[in-house]
Amino acid sequence: MFRFEQFSPNLECGTDELRSKRKVEIEPIDYRGLMRRARVTDQTAIDSLFLDSRITAPQHSAGESLLDVMVRSGASPRSSDPSGTNFGTLRDAERAMSSRIMVASGAYRALARSGQDSERITIIVVAHNVTVSGDMLVLLREGLNALVTYFGTGGARDPRTIA
């Protein structure tokens, strides 16, 4: 890496953790290449479906909201950074666990109303980043539509179409 790249205010490279988990490419914004940005080129499964217009913006937002709820509930790890770990007493851990589980209970109930298969596929695609194939897309859309109602993301618009 050149010195001007290291100290350039126009270059956002992302964190070491992001670069270790995702493919980040540096691309020029202007024609001379002075202004650059970092772009993640391998998206999550739900991002790829949205970028390919296979799911709508409200469905994508609902999927992201479900992932956020799952992370806050402890079902999916946010980071492997040990400095983010909180060491407290056992009593604090018991209270924290019950409140963390309750964070996701409403979303899971709303998702369960879409049907058992839709619920299973939606959780698998959102949480485990599984590529959608065959009729999984229909079940995923049903699950995401139930979450659109729950999270209230029906007004989300595709930023690519806003002029």
C-alpha atoms as a PDB file:
ATOM      1  CA  MET A   1       0.000   0.000   0.000  1.00  0.00           C
ATOM      2  CA  PHE A   2       1.374   3.386  -0.984  1.00  0.00           C
ATOM      3  CA  ARG A   3       1.719   6.217   1.525  1.00  0.00           C
ATOM      4  CA  PHE A   4      -0.925   8.347  -0.218  1.00  0.00           C
ATOM      5  CA  GLU A   5      -3.357   5.412  -0.022  1.00  0.00           C
ATOM      6  CA  GLN A   6      -2.708   4.924   3.663  1.00  0.00           C
ATOM      7  CA  PHE A   7      -3.409   8.531   4.614  1.00  0.00           C
ATOM      8  CA  SER A   8      -5.992   9.437   2.007  1.00  0.00           C
ATOM      9  CA  PRO A   9      -9.251  10.732   3.529  1.00  0.00           C
ATOM     10  CA  ASN A  10     -11.106   9.481   0.445  1.00  0.00           C
ATOM     11  CA  LEU A  11     -10.322   5.817   1.017  1.00  0.00           C
ATOM     12  CA  GLU A  12     -12.510   3.788   3.346  1.00  0.00           C
ATOM     13  CA  CYS A  13     -11.088   0.274   3.438  1.00  0.00           C
ATOM     14  CA  GLY A  14     -13.371  -1.236   6.068  1.00  0.00           C
ATOM     15  CA  THR A  15     -12.204  -3.030   9.166  1.00  0.00           C
ATOM     16  CA  ASP A  16      -9.826  -5.969   9.276  1.00  0.00           C
ATOM     17  CA  GLU A  17     -12.734  -8.192  10.338  1.00  0.00           C
ATOM     18  CA  LEU A  18     -14.836  -7.109   7.351  1.00  0.00           C
ATOM     19  CA  ARG A  19     -11.987  -7.727   4.926  1.00  0.00           C
ATOM     20  CA  SER A  20     -11.352 -11.175   6.429  1.00  0.00           C
ATOM     21  CA  LYS A  21     -15.010 -12.215   6.027  1.00  0.00           C
ATOM     22  CA  ARG A  22     -15.990 -10.458   2.809  1.00  0.00           C
ATOM     23  CA  LYS A  23     -14.372  -9.618  -0.502  1.00  0.00           C
ATOM     24  CA  VAL A  24     -13.746  -5.859  -0.479  1.00  0.00           C
ATOM     25  CA  GLU A  25     -12.628  -4.155  -3.688  1.00  0.00           C
ATOM     26  CA  ILE A  26     -11.294  -0.624  -3.966  1.00  0.00           C
ATOM     27  CA  GLU A  27     -12.844   1.155  -6.938  1.00  0.00           C
ATOM     28  CA  PRO A  28     -12.377   4.663  -8.340  1.00  0.00           C
ATOM     29  CA  ILE A  29     -15.294   7.067  -8.145  1.00  0.00           C
ATOM     30  CA  ASP A  30     -13.941   9.738 -10.495  1.00  0.00           C
ATOM     31  CA  TYR A  31     -12.327   9.260 -13.902  1.00  0.00           C
ATOM     32  CA  ARG A  32      -8.796  10.116 -12.651  1.00  0.00           C
ATOM     33  CA  GLY A  33      -8.926   7.621  -9.784  1.00  0.00           C
ATOM     34  CA  LEU A  34      -8.220  10.176  -7.057  1.00  0.00           C
ATOM     35  CA  MET A  35     -11.496   9.567  -5.239  1.00  0.00           C
ATOM     36  CA  ARG A  36     -12.001   5.937  -4.326  1.00  0.00           C
ATOM     37  CA  ARG A  37     -14.283   3.829  -2.223  1.00  0.00           C
ATOM     38  CA  ALA A  38     -14.384   0.325  -0.879  1.00  0.00           C
ATOM     39  CA  ARG A  39     -17.232  -1.903  -2.012  1.00  0.00           C
ATOM     40  CA  VAL A  40     -18.206  -5.335  -0.718  1.00  0.00           C
ATOM     41  CA  THR A  41     -18.597  -7.538  -3.780  1.00  0.00           C
ATOM     42  CA  ASP A  42     -19.839 -10.744  -2.176  1.00  0.00           C
ATOM     43  CA  GLN A  43     -23.134  -9.904  -0.551  1.00  0.00           C
ATOM     44  CA  THR A  44     -25.240 -11.934   1.833  1.00  0.00           C
ATOM     45  CA  ALA A  45     -27.911 -14.167   0.319  1.00  0.00           C
ATOM     46  CA  ILE A  46     -30.715 -11.735   1.133  1.00  0.00           C
ATOM     47  CA  ASP A  47     -28.731  -8.816  -0.336  1.00  0.00           C
ATOM     48  CA  SER A  48     -28.121 -10.760  -3.528  1.00  0.00           C
ATOM     49  CA  LEU A  49     -31.828 -11.553  -3.856  1.00  0.00           C
ATOM     50  CA  PHE A  50     -32.640  -7.869  -3.468  1.00  0.00           C
ATOM     51  CA  LEU A  51     -29.980  -6.750  -5.942  1.00  0.00           C
ATOM     52  CA  ASP A  52     -31.309  -9.302  -8.465  1.00  0.00           C
ATOM     53  CA  SER A  53     -34.872  -7.934  -7.896  1.00  0.00           C
ATOM     54  CA  ARG A  54     -36.102 -11.318  -6.669  1.00  0.00           C
ATOM     55  CA  ILE A  55     -37.400  -9.769  -3.430  1.00  0.00           C
ATOM     56  CA  THR A  56     -38.742  -6.271  -2.822  1.00  0.00           C
ATOM     57  CA  ALA A  57     -37.266  -3.466  -0.741  1.00  0.00           C
ATOM     58  CA  PRO A  58     -39.815  -3.983   2.091  1.00  0.00           C
ATOM     59  CA  GLN A  59     -38.979  -7.701   2.167  1.00  0.00           C
ATOM     60  CA  HIS A  60     -35.239  -6.949   2.235  1.00  0.00           C
ATOM     61  CA  SER A  61     -35.701  -4.472   5.094  1.00  0.00           C
ATOM     62  CA  ALA A  62     -37.775  -7.017   6.999  1.00  0.00           C
ATOM     63  CA  GLY A  63     -35.041  -9.632   6.523  1.00  0.00           C
ATOM     64  CA  GLU A  64     -32.418  -7.212   7.809  1.00  0.00           C
ATOM     65  CA  SER A  65     -34.641  -6.383  10.787  1.00  0.00           C
ATOM     66  CA  LEU A  66     -35.008 -10.084  11.564  1.00  0.00           C
ATOM     67  CA  LEU A  67     -31.233 -10.517  11.437  1.00  0.00           C
ATOM     68  CA  ASP A  68     -30.792  -7.551  13.781  1.00  0.00           C
ATOM     69  CA  VAL A  69     -33.309  -9.034  16.227  1.00  0.00           C
ATOM     70  CA  MET A  70     -31.566 -12.397  16.051  1.00  0.00           C
ATOM     71  CA  VAL A  71     -28.207 -10.787  16.803  1.00  0.00           C
ATOM     72  CA  ARG A  72     -29.621  -8.859  19.763  1.00  0.00           C
ATOM     73  CA  SER A  73     -31.233 -12.020  21.119  1.00  0.00           C
ATOM     74  CA  GLY A  74     -27.964 -13.924  20.975  1.00  0.00           C
ATOM     75  CA  ALA A  75     -29.105 -16.432  18.342  1.00  0.00           C
ATOM     76  CA  SER A  76     -26.439 -15.230  15.933  1.00  0.00           C
ATOM     77  CA  PRO A  77     -23.049 -13.852  16.964  1.00  0.00           C
ATOM     78  CA  ARG A  78     -22.345 -10.247  16.074  1.00  0.00           C
ATOM     79  CA  SER A  79     -18.585 -10.414  16.235  1.00  0.00           C
ATOM     80  CA  SER A  80     -15.760 -12.616  17.367  1.00  0.00           C
ATOM     81  CA  ASP A  81     -14.110  -9.649  19.063  1.00  0.00           C
ATOM     82  CA  PRO A  82     -13.402 -10.663  22.690  1.00  0.00           C
ATOM     83  CA  SER A  83     -13.292  -7.020  23.816  1.00  0.00           C
ATOM     84  CA  GLY A  84     -17.039  -6.816  23.147  1.00  0.00           C
ATOM     85  CA  THR A  85     -17.774  -9.566  25.650  1.00  0.00           C
ATOM     86  CA  ASN A  86     -19.339  -8.536  28.929  1.00  0.00           C
ATOM     87  CA  PHE A  87     -18.332 -10.546  31.975  1.00  0.00           C
ATOM     88  CA  GLY A  88     -20.841 -10.107  34.790  1.00  0.00           C
ATOM     89  CA  THR A  89     -22.261 -12.150  37.624  1.00  0.00           C
ATOM     90  CA  LEU A  90     -24.312 -15.311  37.105  1.00  0.00           C
ATOM     91  CA  ARG A  91     -27.444 -13.512  38.304  1.00  0.00           C
ATOM     92  CA  ASP A  92     -26.887 -10.787  35.704  1.00  0.00           C
ATOM     93  CA  ALA A  93     -26.409 -13.428  33.020  1.00  0.00           C
ATOM     94  CA  GLU A  94     -29.696 -15.145  33.925  1.00  0.00           C
ATOM     95  CA  ARG A  95     -31.645 -11.879  33.745  1.00  0.00           C
ATOM     96  CA  ALA A  96     -29.878 -10.864  30.539  1.00  0.00           C
ATOM     97  CA  MET A  97     -30.624 -14.225  28.893  1.00  0.00           C
ATOM     98  CA  SER A  98     -34.358 -14.068  29.562  1.00  0.00           C
ATOM     99  CA  SER A  99     -34.613 -10.504  28.280  1.00  0.00           C
ATOM    100  CA  ARG A 100     -32.505 -11.359  25.238  1.00  0.00           C
ATOM    101  CA  ILE A 101     -34.758 -14.277  24.347  1.00  0.00           C
ATOM    102  CA  MET A 102     -37.804 -12.026  24.577  1.00  0.00           C
ATOM    103  CA  VAL A 103     -36.315  -9.614  22.024  1.00  0.00           C
ATOM    104  CA  ALA A 104     -36.986 -12.072  19.206  1.00  0.00           C
ATOM    105  CA  SER A 105     -40.194 -13.690  20.444  1.00  0.00           C
ATOM    106  CA  GLY A 106     -42.549 -11.299  18.655  1.00  0.00           C
ATOM    107  CA  ALA A 107     -40.726 -11.637  15.349  1.00  0.00           C
ATOM    108  CA  TYR A 108     -40.704 -15.427  15.651  1.00  0.00           C
ATOM    109  CA  ARG A 109     -44.454 -15.477  16.398  1.00  0.00           C
ATOM    110  CA  ALA A 110     -45.152 -13.280  13.375  1.00  0.00           C
ATOM    111  CA  LEU A 111     -42.959 -15.500  11.227  1.00  0.00           C
ATOM    112  CA  ALA A 112     -44.723 -18.641  12.505  1.00  0.00           C
ATOM    113  CA  ARG A 113     -48.024 -17.297  11.117  1.00  0.00           C
ATOM    114  CA  SER A 114     -46.606 -17.679   7.599  1.00  0.00           C
ATOM    115  CA  GLY A 115     -46.382 -21.451   8.004  1.00  0.00           C
ATOM    116  CA  GLN A 116     -43.827 -23.913   9.266  1.00  0.00           C
ATOM    117  CA  ASP A 117     -41.976 -24.305   5.958  1.00  0.00           C
ATOM    118  CA  SER A 118     -41.842 -20.545   5.347  1.00  0.00           C
ATOM    119  CA  GLU A 119     -40.589 -19.957   8.872  1.00  0.00           C
ATOM    120  CA  ARG A 120     -37.838 -22.552   8.514  1.00  0.00           C
ATOM    121  CA  ILE A 121     -36.657 -21.345   5.097  1.00  0.00           C
ATOM    122  CA  THR A 122     -36.697 -17.677   6.144  1.00  0.00           C
ATOM    123  CA  ILE A 123     -34.565 -18.332   9.213  1.00  0.00           C
ATOM    124  CA  ILE A 124     -32.160 -20.532   7.251  1.00  0.00           C
ATOM    125  CA  VAL A 125     -31.662 -17.940   4.497  1.00  0.00           C
ATOM    126  CA  VAL A 126     -31.432 -14.897   6.779  1.00  0.00           C
ATOM    127  CA  ALA A 127     -29.383 -16.347   9.636  1.00  0.00           C
ATOM    128  CA  HIS A 128     -27.243 -18.926   7.878  1.00  0.00           C
ATOM    129  CA  ASN A 129     -26.811 -17.119   4.546  1.00  0.00           C
ATOM    130  CA  VAL A 130     -27.983 -20.088   2.477  1.00  0.00           C
ATOM    131  CA  THR A 131     -28.385 -19.563  -1.271  1.00  0.00           C
ATOM    132  CA  VAL A 132     -31.996 -19.813  -2.407  1.00  0.00           C
ATOM    133  CA  SER A 133     -32.814 -22.482  -4.971  1.00  0.00           C
ATOM    134  CA  GLY A 134     -35.970 -23.920  -6.487  1.00  0.00           C
ATOM    135  CA  ASP A 135     -39.252 -23.224  -4.699  1.00  0.00           C
ATOM    136  CA  MET A 136     -37.430 -21.919  -1.614  1.00  0.00           C
ATOM    137  CA  LEU A 137     -37.962 -18.402  -2.992  1.00  0.00           C
ATOM    138  CA  VAL A 138     -41.756 -18.684  -2.741  1.00  0.00           C
ATOM    139  CA  LEU A 139     -41.504 -19.824   0.891  1.00  0.00           C
ATOM    140  CA  LEU A 140     -38.958 -17.116   1.677  1.00  0.00           C
ATOM    141  CA  ARG A 141     -41.233 -14.434   0.232  1.00  0.00           C
ATOM    142  CA  GLU A 142     -44.146 -15.688   2.363  1.00  0.00           C
ATOM    143  CA  GLY A 143     -42.016 -15.500   5.496  1.00  0.00           C
ATOM    144  CA  LEU A 144     -40.634 -12.084   4.616  1.00  0.00           C
ATOM    145  CA  ASN A 145     -44.140 -10.765   3.880  1.00  0.00           C
ATOM    146  CA  ALA A 146     -45.222 -11.780   7.395  1.00  0.00           C
ATOM    147  CA  LEU A 147     -42.193  -9.903   8.731  1.00  0.00           C
ATOM    148  CA  VAL A 148     -42.971  -6.841   6.592  1.00  0.00           C
ATOM    149  CA  THR A 149     -46.259  -6.547   8.466  1.00  0.00           C
ATOM    150  CA  TYR A 150     -44.614  -7.155  11.849  1.00  0.00           C
ATOM    151  CA  PHE A 151     -41.687  -4.744  11.417  1.00  0.00           C
ATOM    152  CA  GLY A 152     -43.703  -2.186   9.436  1.00  0.00           C
ATOM    153  CA  THR A 153     -41.256  -1.997   6.548  1.00  0.00           C
ATOM    154  CA  GLY A 154     -43.983  -1.741   3.912  1.00  0.00           C
ATOM    155  CA  GLY A 155     -42.957   1.820   3.071  1.00  0.00           C
ATOM    156  CA  ALA A 156     -39.343   0.942   2.276  1.00  0.00           C
ATOM    157  CA  ARG A 157     -38.334   1.995  -1.213  1.00  0.00           C
ATOM    158  CA  ASP A 158     -35.602   0.735  -3.465  1.00  0.00           C
ATOM    159  CA  PRO A 159     -32.826   3.367  -3.376  1.00  0.00           C
ATOM    160  CA  ARG A 160     -31.860   2.505  -6.948  1.00  0.00           C
ATOM    161  CA  THR A 161     -35.201   3.798  -8.262  1.00  0.00           C
ATOM    162  CA  ILE A 162     -35.299   7.067  -6.293  1.00  0.00           C
ATOM    163  CA  ALA A 163     -34.226   9.894  -8.578  1.00  0.00           C
END
